[in-house]
């Protein structure tokens, strides 16, 4: 994984959270409350279940708390955010978990 200075990490993480917010609003905004505030992205499903995605400054990671798969940490590798345990891409993990909870295909590509 790539070491990032603080300003680069902040920029990349903020851009990622902003893009995710827009994609999630489009994909599931009809049946989930999607909110981005102070660097914390939350997705609350009407039928229960909450996702939290945030930047973790000290470790320079993006963290995901999922009611489906639990907690996961993602580090920048120069081209995207990948799990620190197993290397799965953030977007793939999140889309799979959202698909399970939403009971419909959710694509974040």
Protein backbone atom coordinates (compact mmCIF):
# COMPACT_ATOMS: atom_id res chain seq x y z
CA UNK A 1 0.00 0.00 0.00
CA UNK A 2 1.15 3.51 -0.76
CA UNK A 3 2.24 5.89 2.00
CA UNK A 4 0.34 9.15 1.69
CA UNK A 5 1.12 12.51 3.20
CA UNK A 6 -1.72 14.02 5.20
CA UNK A 7 -2.94 16.50 2.59
CA UNK A 8 -2.96 13.90 -0.21
CA UNK A 9 -4.82 11.42 1.99
CA UNK A 10 -7.40 14.05 2.95
CA UNK A 11 -7.96 15.03 -0.68
CA UNK A 12 -8.28 11.44 -1.89
CA UNK A 13 -10.54 10.37 0.97
CA UNK A 14 -12.79 13.43 0.62
CA UNK A 15 -13.08 12.90 -3.14
CA UNK A 16 -13.93 9.24 -2.59
CA UNK A 17 -16.59 10.00 0.01
CA UNK A 18 -18.11 12.70 -2.21
CA UNK A 19 -18.29 10.39 -5.23
CA UNK A 20 -19.71 7.58 -3.10
CA UNK A 21 -22.37 9.93 -1.74
CA UNK A 22 -23.49 10.83 -5.27
CA UNK A 23 -23.43 7.21 -6.47
CA UNK A 24 -25.35 5.99 -3.44
CA UNK A 25 -27.95 8.74 -3.76
CA UNK A 26 -28.54 7.66 -7.37
CA UNK A 27 -28.47 3.91 -6.67
CA UNK A 28 -30.45 3.59 -3.43
CA UNK A 29 -31.72 7.05 -2.49
CA UNK A 30 -35.32 5.94 -3.00
CA UNK A 31 -35.26 3.51 -0.08
CA UNK A 32 -32.30 4.58 2.06
CA UNK A 33 -31.24 7.82 3.71
CA UNK A 34 -27.76 8.73 2.42
CA UNK A 35 -25.94 11.53 4.24
CA UNK A 36 -22.43 12.96 4.07
CA UNK A 37 -21.46 15.25 6.92
CA UNK A 38 -18.05 16.16 8.32
CA UNK A 39 -16.26 13.40 6.44
CA UNK A 40 -18.68 10.68 7.57
CA UNK A 41 -20.95 9.00 5.04
CA UNK A 42 -23.94 7.17 6.50
CA UNK A 43 -26.50 5.01 4.75
CA UNK A 44 -29.60 4.17 6.76
CA UNK A 45 -32.03 1.70 5.22
CA UNK A 46 -35.72 2.17 5.89
CA UNK A 47 -36.02 -1.52 6.74
CA UNK A 48 -33.09 -1.34 9.18
CA UNK A 49 -29.34 -1.50 8.79
CA UNK A 50 -26.76 1.26 8.83
CA UNK A 51 -23.51 1.62 6.90
CA UNK A 52 -20.86 4.09 8.01
CA UNK A 53 -17.92 5.02 5.78
CA UNK A 54 -15.37 7.49 7.05
CA UNK A 55 -11.77 8.55 6.72
CA UNK A 56 -9.44 7.57 9.53
CA UNK A 57 -6.75 10.23 9.55
CA UNK A 58 -4.19 8.61 11.90
CA UNK A 59 -3.94 5.43 9.79
CA UNK A 60 -4.66 7.20 6.47
CA UNK A 61 -7.37 4.68 5.72
CA UNK A 62 -11.03 4.67 4.79
CA UNK A 63 -13.09 2.61 7.23
CA UNK A 64 -16.34 0.82 6.52
CA UNK A 65 -18.79 -0.38 9.16
CA UNK A 66 -21.32 -2.68 7.52
CA UNK A 67 -24.30 -4.48 9.05
CA UNK A 68 -23.61 -7.27 6.55
CA UNK A 69 -19.85 -7.92 6.69
CA UNK A 70 -18.76 -5.98 9.77
CA UNK A 71 -15.80 -3.63 9.97
CA UNK A 72 -13.17 -3.26 7.26
CA UNK A 73 -10.24 -0.92 6.64
CA UNK A 74 -9.09 0.21 3.21
CA UNK A 75 -5.73 1.71 2.27
CA UNK A 76 -4.79 3.61 -0.90
CA UNK A 77 -2.63 1.64 -3.34
CA UNK A 78 -2.10 4.35 -5.95
CA UNK A 79 -5.25 3.54 -7.91
CA UNK A 80 -7.96 2.93 -5.35
CA UNK A 81 -8.89 1.87 -1.84
CA UNK A 82 -8.25 -1.81 -1.08
CA UNK A 83 -8.88 -3.89 2.02
CA UNK A 84 -5.97 -4.23 4.38
CA UNK A 85 -7.14 -7.83 4.88
CA UNK A 86 -7.37 -9.63 1.59
CA UNK A 87 -7.09 -6.75 -0.86
CA UNK A 88 -10.75 -6.50 -1.93
CA UNK A 89 -11.68 -3.10 -3.42
CA UNK A 90 -13.84 -0.79 -1.30
CA UNK A 91 -16.43 -0.34 -4.06
CA UNK A 92 -16.83 -4.09 -4.56
CA UNK A 93 -17.23 -4.82 -0.85
CA UNK A 94 -19.70 -1.99 -0.38
CA UNK A 95 -21.74 -2.88 -3.49
CA UNK A 96 -21.96 -6.55 -2.45
CA UNK A 97 -23.08 -5.64 1.08
CA UNK A 98 -25.61 -3.08 -0.17
CA UNK A 99 -26.98 -5.62 -2.65
CA UNK A 100 -27.57 -8.12 0.16
CA UNK A 101 -29.35 -5.61 2.36
CA UNK A 102 -31.29 -3.91 -0.43
CA UNK A 103 -32.26 -7.24 -1.98
CA UNK A 104 -31.57 -5.76 -5.41
CA UNK A 105 -28.40 -5.34 -7.46
CA UNK A 106 -26.49 -2.23 -6.43
CA UNK A 107 -23.70 -1.11 -8.74
CA UNK A 108 -21.18 1.56 -7.75
CA UNK A 109 -19.10 1.50 -10.95
